[in-house]
Amino acid sequence: MSRAENPDPWELPEAQWRAIVDEVGAGNGLDHRDWPGNAAVAVAISVDVDNETLPLSQRVSGPGPLSHAQYGARVGIRRVVDALNRHSVPATFFYPAVSAMLAPERFAEVRAAGHEIGLHGWIHERCGELTPAQELELGTRSIEALTAVTGTRPVGMRTPYWDFTVHTLPIAQQLGLEYDSSLMADDQPYELLRGGEPTGLTEVPVSWIRDDAPYFPDDALGKQALAPHDVLRIWQDEFDGAYAEGGLFTLALHPHVIGHRSRIKVLHDLLAHIAAHSGVWCATHAEIARYATTRRTRPAQ
């Protein structure tokens, strides 16, 4: 590719860099302290059930990496579901369709506990490696697979690897989804814009700060930068900040990551910390998105 086809960023004309930024944008948001029943804060816990699809999506097929991933299906997910049940917290489980097919009994346990099931790709594929047609086909196939086993069509998605491409938003619209949870433009839910125009889709934003994976790397050679109790302090401070603002606290977990003994205690302690506060609305991502959709009052920024 020539430099004319791929110029340096500082060579881009204003119209081009504005178009890049505006391709997918943040529109109408939800004001703070605006939750059902005058709740002081909203809490949305999510679980990305990657398990074996994570190494498979990376073209890794060795028994060692697969066994690490299988820990999530065999052990981790049960500990996560147990923690949520003990503290009576509903959650959204974002499932790659293949994860549900590989461990149908665990999938049934999640459903029996009443948690929401959301889309997380077919086999945790990277959307950026797909053509638009492939991304649409896999999204359609995933919806059909999850609907077949639950009897309920998923209404929201989280892109695998949080890899949201310029094609993802129109595909989500074509699939008839209500919300996404892969982007990070705000702490509050907001409406997604496409080329500056409202889409009707709500973003329930994520953050690497409120995700277990960066703190506990899968790679054996990667450094675990913090002890579990240090991560607990970060998440407690994030919740306390959301509580003081009257905002939304989201948390993204992975069974093969948070499900280990020393780490699941972090989840129990965090949920206990949240429960010690009054005026907390714990909801699924679909409930958060639907409420935000009815309460958009600010003009797009």
C-alpha atoms as a PDB file:
ATOM      1  CA  MET A   1       0.000   0.000   0.000  1.00  0.00           C
ATOM      2  CA  SER A   2       1.437   3.374  -0.995  1.00  0.00           C
ATOM      3  CA  ARG A   3       1.674   6.396   1.293  1.00  0.00           C
ATOM      4  CA  ALA A   4      -0.983   8.053  -0.839  1.00  0.00           C
ATOM      5  CA  GLU A   5      -3.323   5.220   0.083  1.00  0.00           C
ATOM      6  CA  ASN A   6      -2.247   5.180   3.750  1.00  0.00           C
ATOM      7  CA  PRO A   7      -0.979   8.661   4.705  1.00  0.00           C
ATOM      8  CA  ASP A   8       0.465   9.543   8.082  1.00  0.00           C
ATOM      9  CA  PRO A   9      -2.190  10.776  10.537  1.00  0.00           C
ATOM     10  CA  TRP A  10      -0.873  14.354  10.505  1.00  0.00           C
ATOM     11  CA  GLU A  11      -1.329  14.452   6.743  1.00  0.00           C
ATOM     12  CA  LEU A  12      -5.060  13.775   6.930  1.00  0.00           C
ATOM     13  CA  PRO A  13      -7.339  16.666   5.939  1.00  0.00           C
ATOM     14  CA  GLU A  14      -9.807  17.841   8.568  1.00  0.00           C
ATOM     15  CA  ALA A  15     -12.766  16.332   6.739  1.00  0.00           C
ATOM     16  CA  GLN A  16     -11.152  12.904   6.880  1.00  0.00           C
ATOM     17  CA  TRP A  17     -10.193  12.830  10.557  1.00  0.00           C
ATOM     18  CA  ARG A  18     -13.589  14.206  11.503  1.00  0.00           C
ATOM     19  CA  ALA A  19     -15.266  11.492   9.434  1.00  0.00           C
ATOM     20  CA  ILE A  20     -13.183   8.810  11.172  1.00  0.00           C
ATOM     21  CA  VAL A  21     -14.142  10.088  14.634  1.00  0.00           C
ATOM     22  CA  ASP A  22     -17.816  10.527  13.685  1.00  0.00           C
ATOM     23  CA  GLU A  23     -18.251   7.086  12.104  1.00  0.00           C
ATOM     24  CA  VAL A  24     -19.475   5.714  15.448  1.00  0.00           C
ATOM     25  CA  GLY A  25     -20.220   8.353  18.048  1.00  0.00           C
ATOM     26  CA  ALA A  26     -21.822   8.963  21.432  1.00  0.00           C
ATOM     27  CA  GLY A  27     -25.176  10.702  21.439  1.00  0.00           C
ATOM     28  CA  ASN A  28     -27.943  11.273  23.950  1.00  0.00           C
ATOM     29  CA  GLY A  29     -26.978  10.045  27.394  1.00  0.00           C
ATOM     30  CA  LEU A  30     -28.695   9.331  30.680  1.00  0.00           C
ATOM     31  CA  ASP A  31     -28.391  11.982  33.359  1.00  0.00           C
ATOM     32  CA  HIS A  32     -26.934  10.990  36.709  1.00  0.00           C
ATOM     33  CA  ARG A  33     -29.288  10.276  39.609  1.00  0.00           C
ATOM     34  CA  ASP A  34     -32.035   9.190  37.236  1.00  0.00           C
ATOM     35  CA  TRP A  35     -32.754   5.565  38.126  1.00  0.00           C
ATOM     36  CA  PRO A  36     -35.957   3.614  38.841  1.00  0.00           C
ATOM     37  CA  GLY A  37     -37.413   4.174  42.279  1.00  0.00           C
ATOM     38  CA  ASN A  38     -35.007   7.061  42.874  1.00  0.00           C
ATOM     39  CA  ALA A  39     -32.167   4.588  43.300  1.00  0.00           C
ATOM     40  CA  ALA A  40     -28.830   6.171  44.176  1.00  0.00           C
ATOM     41  CA  VAL A  41     -26.811   4.022  41.771  1.00  0.00           C
ATOM     42  CA  ALA A  42     -27.270   1.351  39.103  1.00  0.00           C
ATOM     43  CA  VAL A  43     -25.134  -1.801  39.019  1.00  0.00           C
ATOM     44  CA  ALA A  44     -24.770  -4.001  35.926  1.00  0.00           C
ATOM     45  CA  ILE A  45     -22.603  -7.109  36.292  1.00  0.00           C
ATOM     46  CA  SER A  46     -21.652  -9.031  33.157  1.00  0.00           C
ATOM     47  CA  VAL A  47     -19.871 -12.326  32.523  1.00  0.00           C
ATOM     48  CA  ASP A  48     -18.108 -13.065  29.231  1.00  0.00           C
ATOM     49  CA  VAL A  49     -18.213 -16.854  28.976  1.00  0.00           C
ATOM     50  CA  ASP A  50     -15.228 -17.269  26.655  1.00  0.00           C
ATOM     51  CA  ASN A  51     -13.831 -20.582  27.910  1.00  0.00           C
ATOM     52  CA  GLU A  52     -12.419 -22.705  25.044  1.00  0.00           C
ATOM     53  CA  THR A  53     -13.469 -20.223  22.373  1.00  0.00           C
ATOM     54  CA  LEU A  54     -10.695 -17.848  23.441  1.00  0.00           C
ATOM     55  CA  PRO A  55      -7.782 -20.113  22.417  1.00  0.00           C
ATOM     56  CA  LEU A  56      -9.780 -21.533  19.502  1.00  0.00           C
ATOM     57  CA  SER A  57     -10.314 -18.033  18.117  1.00  0.00           C
ATOM     58  CA  GLN A  58      -6.557 -17.503  18.305  1.00  0.00           C
ATOM     59  CA  ARG A  59      -5.956 -20.719  16.309  1.00  0.00           C
ATOM     60  CA  VAL A  60      -4.511 -22.382  19.424  1.00  0.00           C
ATOM     61  CA  SER A  61      -5.501 -26.024  19.792  1.00  0.00           C
ATOM     62  CA  GLY A  62      -3.034 -27.504  22.284  1.00  0.00           C
ATOM     63  CA  PRO A  63      -4.403 -29.389  25.309  1.00  0.00           C
ATOM     64  CA  GLY A  64      -2.571 -27.076  27.731  1.00  0.00           C
ATOM     65  CA  PRO A  65      -4.203 -23.786  26.718  1.00  0.00           C
ATOM     66  CA  LEU A  66      -7.529 -25.532  26.222  1.00  0.00           C
ATOM     67  CA  SER A  67      -7.391 -26.987  29.741  1.00  0.00           C
ATOM     68  CA  HIS A  68      -6.858 -23.495  31.156  1.00  0.00           C
ATOM     69  CA  ALA A  69      -9.923 -22.333  29.261  1.00  0.00           C
ATOM     70  CA  GLN A  70     -11.948 -25.384  30.308  1.00  0.00           C
ATOM     71  CA  TYR A  71     -11.429 -24.377  33.924  1.00  0.00           C
ATOM     72  CA  GLY A  72     -13.991 -21.654  33.301  1.00  0.00           C
ATOM     73  CA  ALA A  73     -16.624 -24.133  32.177  1.00  0.00           C
ATOM     74  CA  ARG A  74     -15.873 -26.822  34.786  1.00  0.00           C
ATOM     75  CA  VAL A  75     -15.194 -24.722  37.879  1.00  0.00           C
ATOM     76  CA  GLY A  76     -15.231 -20.975  37.367  1.00  0.00           C
ATOM     77  CA  ILE A  77     -18.735 -20.447  36.070  1.00  0.00           C
ATOM     78  CA  ARG A  78     -20.310 -22.363  38.941  1.00  0.00           C
ATOM     79  CA  ARG A  79     -18.451 -20.191  41.443  1.00  0.00           C
ATOM     80  CA  VAL A  80     -19.546 -17.027  39.645  1.00  0.00           C
ATOM     81  CA  VAL A  81     -23.198 -18.119  39.486  1.00  0.00           C
ATOM     82  CA  ASP A  82     -23.057 -19.112  43.157  1.00  0.00           C
ATOM     83  CA  ALA A  83     -21.670 -15.683  44.144  1.00  0.00           C
ATOM     84  CA  LEU A  84     -24.374 -13.869  42.177  1.00  0.00           C
ATOM     85  CA  ASN A  85     -27.094 -16.087  43.655  1.00  0.00           C
ATOM     86  CA  ARG A  86     -25.863 -15.633  47.218  1.00  0.00           C
ATOM     87  CA  HIS A  87     -26.064 -11.871  46.867  1.00  0.00           C
ATOM     88  CA  SER A  88     -29.277 -11.943  44.779  1.00  0.00           C
ATOM     89  CA  VAL A  89     -27.652 -10.047  41.903  1.00  0.00           C
ATOM     90  CA  PRO A  90     -28.946 -10.498  38.339  1.00  0.00           C
ATOM     91  CA  ALA A  91     -26.314 -10.443  35.608  1.00  0.00           C
ATOM     92  CA  THR A  92     -25.876 -10.618  31.866  1.00  0.00           C
ATOM     93  CA  PHE A  93     -23.900 -13.560  30.512  1.00  0.00           C
ATOM     94  CA  PHE A  94     -22.433 -12.784  27.099  1.00  0.00           C
ATOM     95  CA  TYR A  95     -22.006 -16.128  25.357  1.00  0.00           C
ATOM     96  CA  PRO A  96     -20.066 -17.106  22.255  1.00  0.00           C
ATOM     97  CA  ALA A  97     -22.460 -19.625  20.730  1.00  0.00           C
ATOM     98  CA  VAL A  98     -19.772 -22.316  20.704  1.00  0.00           C
ATOM     99  CA  SER A  99     -19.264 -21.921  24.482  1.00  0.00           C
ATOM    100  CA  ALA A 100     -22.953 -22.657  25.032  1.00  0.00           C
ATOM    101  CA  MET A 101     -22.725 -25.702  22.754  1.00  0.00           C
ATOM    102  CA  LEU A 102     -19.585 -27.067  24.437  1.00  0.00           C
ATOM    103  CA  ALA A 103     -21.042 -26.910  27.976  1.00  0.00           C
ATOM    104  CA  PRO A 104     -24.845 -27.119  27.677  1.00  0.00           C
ATOM    105  CA  GLU A 105     -25.272 -28.183  31.309  1.00  0.00           C
ATOM    106  CA  ARG A 106     -23.475 -25.056  32.583  1.00  0.00           C
ATOM    107  CA  PHE A 107     -25.459 -22.943  30.121  1.00  0.00           C
ATOM    108  CA  ALA A 108     -28.667 -24.446  31.524  1.00  0.00           C
ATOM    109  CA  GLU A 109     -27.568 -23.561  35.065  1.00  0.00           C
ATOM    110  CA  VAL A 110     -27.026 -19.923  34.070  1.00  0.00           C
ATOM    111  CA  ARG A 111     -30.464 -19.803  32.471  1.00  0.00           C
ATOM    112  CA  ALA A 112     -32.090 -21.508  35.459  1.00  0.00           C
ATOM    113  CA  ALA A 113     -30.659 -18.796  37.716  1.00  0.00           C
ATOM    114  CA  GLY A 114     -32.590 -16.216  35.664  1.00  0.00           C
ATOM    115  CA  HIS A 115     -29.679 -14.308  34.156  1.00  0.00           C
ATOM    116  CA  GLU A 116     -29.836 -12.567  30.788  1.00  0.00           C
ATOM    117  CA  ILE A 117     -28.096 -14.213  27.819  1.00  0.00           C
ATOM    118  CA  GLY A 118     -26.372 -11.860  25.370  1.00  0.00           C
ATOM    119  CA  LEU A 119     -24.377 -12.316  22.167  1.00  0.00           C
ATOM    120  CA  HIS A 120     -20.583 -12.588  22.236  1.00  0.00           C
ATOM    121  CA  GLY A 121     -19.814 -13.842  18.751  1.00  0.00           C
ATOM    122  CA  TRP A 122     -19.823 -17.357  17.333  1.00  0.00           C
ATOM    123  CA  ILE A 123     -16.385 -18.592  18.442  1.00  0.00           C
ATOM    124  CA  HIS A 124     -14.992 -15.364  19.940  1.00  0.00           C
ATOM    125  CA  GLU A 125     -13.796 -14.258  16.507  1.00  0.00           C
ATOM    126  CA  ARG A 126     -12.206 -10.850  15.971  1.00  0.00           C
ATOM    127  CA  CYS A 127     -14.623  -8.681  14.025  1.00  0.00           C
ATOM    128  CA  GLY A 128     -11.694  -6.738  12.580  1.00  0.00           C
ATOM    129  CA  GLU A 129     -10.548  -9.876  10.751  1.00  0.00           C
ATOM    130  CA  LEU A 130     -13.941 -10.392   9.095  1.00  0.00           C
ATOM    131  CA  THR A 131     -15.585  -8.970   6.025  1.00  0.00           C
ATOM    132  CA  PRO A 132     -18.931  -7.229   6.662  1.00  0.00           C
ATOM    133  CA  ALA A 133     -20.691 -10.235   5.112  1.00  0.00           C
ATOM    134  CA  GLN A 134     -18.865 -12.640   7.443  1.00  0.00           C
ATOM    135  CA  GLU A 135     -19.608 -10.498  10.495  1.00  0.00           C
ATOM    136  CA  LEU A 136     -23.312 -10.432   9.584  1.00  0.00           C
ATOM    137  CA  GLU A 137     -23.426 -14.174   8.878  1.00  0.00           C
ATOM    138  CA  LEU A 138     -21.778 -15.080  12.176  1.00  0.00           C
ATOM    139  CA  GLY A 139     -24.037 -12.672  14.066  1.00  0.00           C
ATOM    140  CA  THR A 140     -27.108 -14.224  12.471  1.00  0.00           C
ATOM    141  CA  ARG A 141     -25.839 -17.748  13.151  1.00  0.00           C
ATOM    142  CA  SER A 142     -25.124 -16.878  16.797  1.00  0.00           C
ATOM    143  CA  ILE A 143     -28.586 -15.417  17.340  1.00  0.00           C
ATOM    144  CA  GLU A 144     -30.204 -18.481  15.809  1.00  0.00           C
ATOM    145  CA  ALA A 145     -28.136 -20.863  17.945  1.00  0.00           C
ATOM    146  CA  LEU A 146     -28.835 -19.083  21.251  1.00  0.00           C
ATOM    147  CA  THR A 147     -32.511 -18.567  20.427  1.00  0.00           C
ATOM    148  CA  ALA A 148     -32.875 -22.267  19.635  1.00  0.00           C
ATOM    149  CA  VAL A 149     -31.692 -23.345  23.089  1.00  0.00           C
ATOM    150  CA  THR A 150     -33.294 -20.564  25.149  1.00  0.00           C
ATOM    151  CA  GLY A 151     -36.504 -19.874  23.278  1.00  0.00           C
ATOM    152  CA  THR A 152     -35.724 -16.182  23.667  1.00  0.00           C
ATOM    153  CA  ARG A 153     -33.983 -14.021  21.088  1.00  0.00           C
ATOM    154  CA  PRO A 154     -30.993 -12.103  22.526  1.00  0.00           C
ATOM    155  CA  VAL A 155     -31.462  -8.328  22.490  1.00  0.00           C
ATOM    156  CA  GLY A 156     -27.895  -7.186  23.148  1.00  0.00           C
ATOM    157  CA  MET A 157     -24.310  -7.973  22.328  1.00  0.00           C
ATOM    158  CA  ARG A 158     -20.725  -7.532  23.375  1.00  0.00           C
ATOM    159  CA  THR A 159     -18.211  -7.924  20.580  1.00  0.00           C
ATOM    160  CA  PRO A 160     -15.452 -10.485  21.222  1.00  0.00           C
ATOM    161  CA  TYR A 161     -12.239  -8.752  22.290  1.00  0.00           C
ATOM    162  CA  TRP A 162     -14.415  -5.573  22.386  1.00  0.00           C
ATOM    163  CA  ASP A 163     -13.443  -5.372  18.714  1.00  0.00           C
ATOM    164  CA  PHE A 164     -16.169  -3.055  17.407  1.00  0.00           C
ATOM    165  CA  THR A 165     -15.577  -2.208  13.723  1.00  0.00           C
ATOM    166  CA  VAL A 166     -17.091   0.426  11.446  1.00  0.00           C
ATOM    167  CA  HIS A 167     -19.335  -2.350  10.122  1.00  0.00           C
ATOM    168  CA  THR A 168     -20.531  -3.547  13.538  1.00  0.00           C
ATOM    169  CA  LEU A 169     -23.086  -0.818  14.205  1.00  0.00           C
ATOM    170  CA  PRO A 170     -25.062  -1.183  10.937  1.00  0.00           C
ATOM    171  CA  ILE A 171     -24.934  -4.971  11.385  1.00  0.00           C
ATOM    172  CA  ALA A 172     -26.321  -4.632  14.925  1.00  0.00           C
ATOM    173  CA  GLN A 173     -29.139  -2.519  13.491  1.00  0.00           C
ATOM    174  CA  GLN A 174     -29.783  -5.089  10.780  1.00  0.00           C
ATOM    175  CA  LEU A 175     -29.914  -7.837  13.409  1.00  0.00           C
ATOM    176  CA  GLY A 176     -32.545  -5.862  15.325  1.00  0.00           C
ATOM    177  CA  LEU A 177     -30.528  -5.555  18.536  1.00  0.00           C
ATOM    178  CA  GLU A 178     -31.441  -3.064  21.260  1.00  0.00           C
ATOM    179  CA  TYR A 179     -28.029  -2.442  22.790  1.00  0.00           C
ATOM    180  CA  ASP A 180     -24.291  -3.004  22.665  1.00  0.00           C
ATOM    181  CA  SER A 181     -21.768  -3.227  25.497  1.00  0.00           C
ATOM    182  CA  SER A 182     -18.328  -2.945  23.894  1.00  0.00           C
ATOM    183  CA  LEU A 183     -17.479   0.780  23.808  1.00  0.00           C
ATOM    184  CA  MET A 184     -16.139   3.282  26.319  1.00  0.00           C
ATOM    185  CA  ALA A 185     -17.195   6.866  25.543  1.00  0.00           C
ATOM    186  CA  ASP A 186     -18.945   7.481  28.877  1.00  0.00           C
ATOM    187  CA  ASP A 187     -19.670   6.045  32.301  1.00  0.00           C
ATOM    188  CA  GLN A 188     -23.415   6.432  31.680  1.00  0.00           C
ATOM    189  CA  PRO A 189     -25.506   4.658  29.024  1.00  0.00           C
ATOM    190  CA  TYR A 190     -25.760   6.621  25.784  1.00  0.00           C
ATOM    191  CA  GLU A 191     -27.274   6.381  22.321  1.00  0.00           C
ATOM    192  CA  LEU A 192     -24.963   5.265  19.528  1.00  0.00           C
ATOM    193  CA  LEU A 193     -24.626   7.613  16.564  1.00  0.00           C
ATOM    194  CA  ARG A 194     -23.731   6.510  13.059  1.00  0.00           C
ATOM    195  CA  GLY A 195     -22.193   9.280  11.017  1.00  0.00           C
ATOM    196  CA  GLY A 196     -23.652  11.756  13.504  1.00  0.00           C
ATOM    197  CA  GLU A 197     -27.181  10.375  13.176  1.00  0.00           C
ATOM    198  CA  PRO A 198     -29.070   8.653  16.030  1.00  0.00           C
ATOM    199  CA  THR A 199     -29.454   4.882  15.653  1.00  0.00           C
ATOM    200  CA  GLY A 200     -31.793   4.023  18.501  1.00  0.00           C
ATOM    201  CA  LEU A 201     -29.241   1.549  19.892  1.00  0.00           C
ATOM    202  CA  THR A 202     -28.102   2.088  23.450  1.00  0.00           C
ATOM    203  CA  GLU A 203     -24.516   1.623  24.566  1.00  0.00           C
ATOM    204  CA  VAL A 204     -24.017   0.182  28.068  1.00  0.00           C
ATOM    205  CA  PRO A 205     -20.348   1.175  28.302  1.00  0.00           C
ATOM    206  CA  VAL A 206     -17.458  -0.938  29.477  1.00  0.00           C
ATOM    207  CA  SER A 207     -14.023  -0.046  30.828  1.00  0.00           C
ATOM    208  CA  TRP A 208     -10.770  -1.952  31.117  1.00  0.00           C
ATOM    209  CA  ILE A 209     -10.592  -0.647  34.698  1.00  0.00           C
ATOM    210  CA  ARG A 210     -13.711  -2.659  35.537  1.00  0.00           C
ATOM    211  CA  ASP A 211     -12.652  -5.890  33.831  1.00  0.00           C
ATOM    212  CA  ASP A 212     -10.836  -8.786  35.471  1.00  0.00           C
ATOM    213  CA  ALA A 213      -8.714  -9.840  32.473  1.00  0.00           C
ATOM    214  CA  PRO A 214      -6.169  -6.964  32.466  1.00  0.00           C
ATOM    215  CA  TYR A 215      -5.330  -7.599  36.120  1.00  0.00           C
ATOM    216  CA  PHE A 216      -4.974 -11.376  35.763  1.00  0.00           C
ATOM    217  CA  PRO A 217      -3.377 -12.150  32.350  1.00  0.00           C
ATOM    218  CA  ASP A 218      -3.973 -15.519  30.679  1.00  0.00           C
ATOM    219  CA  ASP A 219      -0.397 -15.697  29.431  1.00  0.00           C
ATOM    220  CA  ALA A 220       1.793 -17.571  31.896  1.00  0.00           C
ATOM    221  CA  LEU A 221       4.631 -15.207  31.047  1.00  0.00           C
ATOM    222  CA  GLY A 222       2.469 -12.135  31.592  1.00  0.00           C
ATOM    223  CA  LYS A 223       2.724 -10.327  34.906  1.00  0.00           C
ATOM    224  CA  GLN A 224      -0.110 -10.289  37.399  1.00  0.00           C
ATOM    225  CA  ALA A 225       0.456  -6.702  38.377  1.00  0.00           C
ATOM    226  CA  LEU A 226      -1.801  -6.653  41.421  1.00  0.00           C
ATOM    227  CA  ALA A 227      -2.887  -9.041  44.137  1.00  0.00           C
ATOM    228  CA  PRO A 228      -6.619  -9.871  44.164  1.00  0.00           C
ATOM    229  CA  HIS A 229      -7.291  -7.692  47.223  1.00  0.00           C
ATOM    230  CA  ASP A 230      -5.708  -4.739  45.394  1.00  0.00           C
ATOM    231  CA  VAL A 231      -8.135  -5.263  42.492  1.00  0.00           C
ATOM    232  CA  LEU A 232     -10.988  -5.363  45.011  1.00  0.00           C
ATOM    233  CA  ARG A 233      -9.963  -1.924  46.258  1.00  0.00           C
ATOM    234  CA  ILE A 234     -10.022  -0.510  42.715  1.00  0.00           C
ATOM    235  CA  TRP A 235     -13.493  -1.905  42.030  1.00  0.00           C
ATOM    236  CA  GLN A 236     -14.797  -0.709  45.397  1.00  0.00           C
ATOM    237  CA  ASP A 237     -13.489   2.778  44.640  1.00  0.00           C
ATOM    238  CA  GLU A 238     -15.134   2.643  41.203  1.00  0.00           C
ATOM    239  CA  PHE A 239     -18.447   1.673  42.785  1.00  0.00           C
ATOM    240  CA  ASP A 240     -18.113   4.323  45.492  1.00  0.00           C
ATOM    241  CA  GLY A 241     -17.486   6.927  42.797  1.00  0.00           C
ATOM    242  CA  ALA A 242     -20.568   5.821  40.860  1.00  0.00           C
ATOM    243  CA  TYR A 243     -22.583   5.904  44.087  1.00  0.00           C
ATOM    244  CA  ALA A 244     -21.442   9.442  44.907  1.00  0.00           C
ATOM    245  CA  GLU A 245     -22.315  10.606  41.374  1.00  0.00           C
ATOM    246  CA  GLY A 246     -25.567   8.701  41.159  1.00  0.00           C
ATOM    247  CA  GLY A 247     -24.176   6.910  38.120  1.00  0.00           C
ATOM    248  CA  LEU A 248     -23.782   3.461  36.612  1.00  0.00           C
ATOM    249  CA  PHE A 249     -21.281   0.868  37.811  1.00  0.00           C
ATOM    250  CA  THR A 250     -20.507  -1.897  35.313  1.00  0.00           C
ATOM    251  CA  LEU A 251     -18.211  -4.868  35.792  1.00  0.00           C
ATOM    252  CA  ALA A 252     -17.038  -7.415  33.197  1.00  0.00           C
ATOM    253  CA  LEU A 253     -15.906 -10.833  34.420  1.00  0.00           C
ATOM    254  CA  HIS A 254     -14.650 -14.081  32.860  1.00  0.00           C
ATOM    255  CA  PRO A 255     -15.241 -17.470  34.546  1.00  0.00           C
ATOM    256  CA  HIS A 256     -11.761 -18.770  33.717  1.00  0.00           C
ATOM    257  CA  VAL A 257     -10.243 -15.593  35.218  1.00  0.00           C
ATOM    258  CA  ILE A 258     -12.291 -14.596  38.274  1.00  0.00           C
ATOM    259  CA  GLY A 259     -13.288 -18.180  39.104  1.00  0.00           C
ATOM    260  CA  HIS A 260     -10.086 -19.139  40.922  1.00  0.00           C
ATOM    261  CA  ARG A 261     -10.225 -19.422  44.714  1.00  0.00           C
ATOM    262  CA  SER A 262      -8.274 -16.293  45.601  1.00  0.00           C
ATOM    263  CA  ARG A 263     -10.156 -14.232  43.015  1.00  0.00           C
ATOM    264  CA  ILE A 264     -13.749 -15.362  43.566  1.00  0.00           C
ATOM    265  CA  LYS A 265     -13.387 -13.974  47.088  1.00  0.00           C
ATOM    266  CA  VAL A 266     -12.944 -10.569  45.440  1.00  0.00           C
ATOM    267  CA  LEU A 267     -16.336 -10.924  43.784  1.00  0.00           C
ATOM    268  CA  HIS A 268     -18.016 -11.992  47.031  1.00  0.00           C
ATOM    269  CA  ASP A 269     -16.434  -9.090  48.921  1.00  0.00           C
ATOM    270  CA  LEU A 270     -17.350  -6.599  46.223  1.00  0.00           C
ATOM    271  CA  LEU A 271     -20.989  -7.730  46.117  1.00  0.00           C
ATOM    272  CA  ALA A 272     -21.134  -7.533  49.913  1.00  0.00           C
ATOM    273  CA  HIS A 273     -19.721  -3.992  49.740  1.00  0.00           C
ATOM    274  CA  ILE A 274     -22.383  -3.023  47.210  1.00  0.00           C
ATOM    275  CA  ALA A 275     -25.150  -4.626  49.273  1.00  0.00           C
ATOM    276  CA  ALA A 276     -24.097  -2.578  52.311  1.00  0.00           C
ATOM    277  CA  HIS A 277     -25.297   0.568  50.509  1.00  0.00           C
ATOM    278  CA  SER A 278     -28.926   1.666  50.311  1.00  0.00           C
ATOM    279  CA  GLY A 279     -30.637   2.637  47.083  1.00  0.00           C
ATOM    280  CA  VAL A 280     -28.820   0.244  44.747  1.00  0.00           C
ATOM    281  CA  TRP A 281     -30.575  -0.911  41.570  1.00  0.00           C
ATOM    282  CA  CYS A 282     -28.972  -4.144  40.344  1.00  0.00           C
ATOM    283  CA  ALA A 283     -30.106  -4.883  36.806  1.00  0.00           C
ATOM    284  CA  THR A 284     -29.274  -6.766  33.650  1.00  0.00           C
ATOM    285  CA  HIS A 285     -27.771  -4.918  30.713  1.00  0.00           C
ATOM    286  CA  ALA A 286     -31.074  -5.209  28.848  1.00  0.00           C
ATOM    287  CA  GLU A 287     -32.910  -3.563  31.748  1.00  0.00           C
ATOM    288  CA  ILE A 288     -30.345  -0.765  31.925  1.00  0.00           C
ATOM    289  CA  ALA A 289     -30.530  -0.197  28.158  1.00  0.00           C
ATOM    290  CA  ARG A 290     -34.317  -0.187  28.033  1.00  0.00           C
ATOM    291  CA  TYR A 291     -34.574   2.262  30.895  1.00  0.00           C
ATOM    292  CA  ALA A 292     -31.968   4.546  29.346  1.00  0.00           C
ATOM    293  CA  THR A 293     -33.843   4.458  26.036  1.00  0.00           C
ATOM    294  CA  THR A 294     -36.932   5.919  27.695  1.00  0.00           C
ATOM    295  CA  ARG A 295     -35.020   8.646  29.541  1.00  0.00           C
ATOM    296  CA  ARG A 296     -32.880  10.323  26.903  1.00  0.00           C
ATOM    297  CA  THR A 297     -33.276  14.016  27.577  1.00  0.00           C
ATOM    298  CA  ARG A 298     -29.997  15.694  26.691  1.00  0.00           C
ATOM    299  CA  PRO A 299     -29.246  16.726  23.117  1.00  0.00           C
ATOM    300  CA  ALA A 300     -26.416  14.879  21.374  1.00  0.00           C
ATOM    301  CA  GLN A 301     -23.014  16.376  22.144  1.00  0.00           C
END
